[in-house]
Amino acid sequence: LPQRDLSGLVGETINLPCDVDTEKCGDLHSIKWYRGSSRIFVFSEMAGIARSEGDYTER
């Protein structure tokens, strides 16, 4: 999949897209978004997790 650069201003909401074709790839355990080397968000439908992490927990 192509990489996409996103930006936003403090206080704005942005969407972090992640298109997954489960018919081709199979079931998905988790998706993790990074900014540089820091993980900023993790999503796992199987585990019931959707949360921001690190410096982004209050955003």
C-alpha atoms as a PDB file:
ATOM      1  CA  LEU A   1       0.000   0.000   0.000  1.00  0.00           C
ATOM      2  CA  PRO A   2       1.221   3.520  -0.678  1.00  0.00           C
ATOM      3  CA  GLN A   3       2.362   5.641   2.252  1.00  0.00           C
ATOM      4  CA  ARG A   4       0.283   8.739   2.939  1.00  0.00           C
ATOM      5  CA  ASP A   5       1.413  11.862   4.741  1.00  0.00           C
ATOM      6  CA  LEU A   6      -1.243  13.495   6.918  1.00  0.00           C
ATOM      7  CA  SER A   7      -1.226  16.693   8.899  1.00  0.00           C
ATOM      8  CA  GLY A   8      -3.485  18.510  11.307  1.00  0.00           C
ATOM      9  CA  LEU A   9      -3.492  21.338  13.805  1.00  0.00           C
ATOM     10  CA  VAL A  10      -3.700  21.011  17.580  1.00  0.00           C
ATOM     11  CA  GLY A  11      -7.328  20.518  18.571  1.00  0.00           C
ATOM     12  CA  GLU A  12      -8.367  19.174  15.163  1.00  0.00           C
ATOM     13  CA  THR A  13      -9.471  15.615  14.515  1.00  0.00           C
ATOM     14  CA  ILE A  14      -7.799  13.637  11.755  1.00  0.00           C
ATOM     15  CA  ASN A  15      -8.438  10.151  10.424  1.00  0.00           C
ATOM     16  CA  LEU A  16      -5.601   7.641  10.201  1.00  0.00           C
ATOM     17  CA  PRO A  17      -6.613   5.500   7.230  1.00  0.00           C
ATOM     18  CA  CYS A  18      -5.579   1.897   6.884  1.00  0.00           C
ATOM     19  CA  ASP A  19      -7.126  -0.024   3.996  1.00  0.00           C
ATOM     20  CA  VAL A  20      -6.889  -3.789   4.497  1.00  0.00           C
ATOM     21  CA  ASP A  21      -8.269  -6.403   2.107  1.00  0.00           C
ATOM     22  CA  THR A  22      -9.035  -9.315   4.450  1.00  0.00           C
ATOM     23  CA  GLU A  23     -10.032 -11.495   1.490  1.00  0.00           C
ATOM     24  CA  LYS A  24      -6.433 -11.292   0.236  1.00  0.00           C
ATOM     25  CA  CYS A  25      -4.618 -10.948   3.563  1.00  0.00           C
ATOM     26  CA  GLY A  26      -6.756 -13.009   5.946  1.00  0.00           C
ATOM     27  CA  ASP A  27      -7.880 -11.981   9.412  1.00  0.00           C
ATOM     28  CA  LEU A  28      -6.198  -9.003  10.978  1.00  0.00           C
ATOM     29  CA  HIS A  29      -4.946  -8.972  14.565  1.00  0.00           C
ATOM     30  CA  SER A  30      -3.840  -5.354  14.955  1.00  0.00           C
ATOM     31  CA  ILE A  31      -2.920  -2.149  13.160  1.00  0.00           C
ATOM     32  CA  LYS A  32      -0.283   0.187  14.592  1.00  0.00           C
ATOM     33  CA  TRP A  33       0.441   3.739  13.464  1.00  0.00           C
ATOM     34  CA  TYR A  34       3.848   5.341  14.006  1.00  0.00           C
ATOM     35  CA  ARG A  35       5.240   8.854  13.870  1.00  0.00           C
ATOM     36  CA  GLY A  36       8.918   8.380  13.254  1.00  0.00           C
ATOM     37  CA  SER A  37       9.937   5.553  15.585  1.00  0.00           C
ATOM     38  CA  SER A  38       7.196   6.231  18.181  1.00  0.00           C
ATOM     39  CA  ARG A  39       3.959   4.260  18.120  1.00  0.00           C
ATOM     40  CA  ILE A  40       1.080   6.740  18.380  1.00  0.00           C
ATOM     41  CA  PHE A  41      -2.022   4.552  17.967  1.00  0.00           C
ATOM     42  CA  VAL A  42      -2.976   0.889  18.101  1.00  0.00           C
ATOM     43  CA  PHE A  43      -6.204  -0.772  16.943  1.00  0.00           C
ATOM     44  CA  SER A  44      -7.222  -4.396  17.423  1.00  0.00           C
ATOM     45  CA  GLU A  45     -10.804  -5.465  16.835  1.00  0.00           C
ATOM     46  CA  MET A  46      -9.993  -8.957  18.175  1.00  0.00           C
ATOM     47  CA  ALA A  47      -8.605  -7.567  21.446  1.00  0.00           C
ATOM     48  CA  GLY A  48     -11.101  -4.687  21.702  1.00  0.00           C
ATOM     49  CA  ILE A  49      -8.354  -2.047  21.666  1.00  0.00           C
ATOM     50  CA  ALA A  50      -8.435   1.366  19.992  1.00  0.00           C
ATOM     51  CA  ARG A  51      -6.170   3.822  21.782  1.00  0.00           C
ATOM     52  CA  SER A  52      -3.574   6.500  21.316  1.00  0.00           C
ATOM     53  CA  GLU A  53      -0.211   5.987  23.007  1.00  0.00           C
ATOM     54  CA  GLY A  54       2.792   7.865  24.336  1.00  0.00           C
ATOM     55  CA  ASP A  55       2.661  11.645  24.016  1.00  0.00           C
ATOM     56  CA  TYR A  56      -0.625  11.308  22.104  1.00  0.00           C
ATOM     57  CA  THR A  57      -2.767   9.793  24.883  1.00  0.00           C
ATOM     58  CA  GLU A  58      -4.336  13.138  25.780  1.00  0.00           C
ATOM     59  CA  ARG A  59      -5.160  14.087  22.192  1.00  0.00           C
END
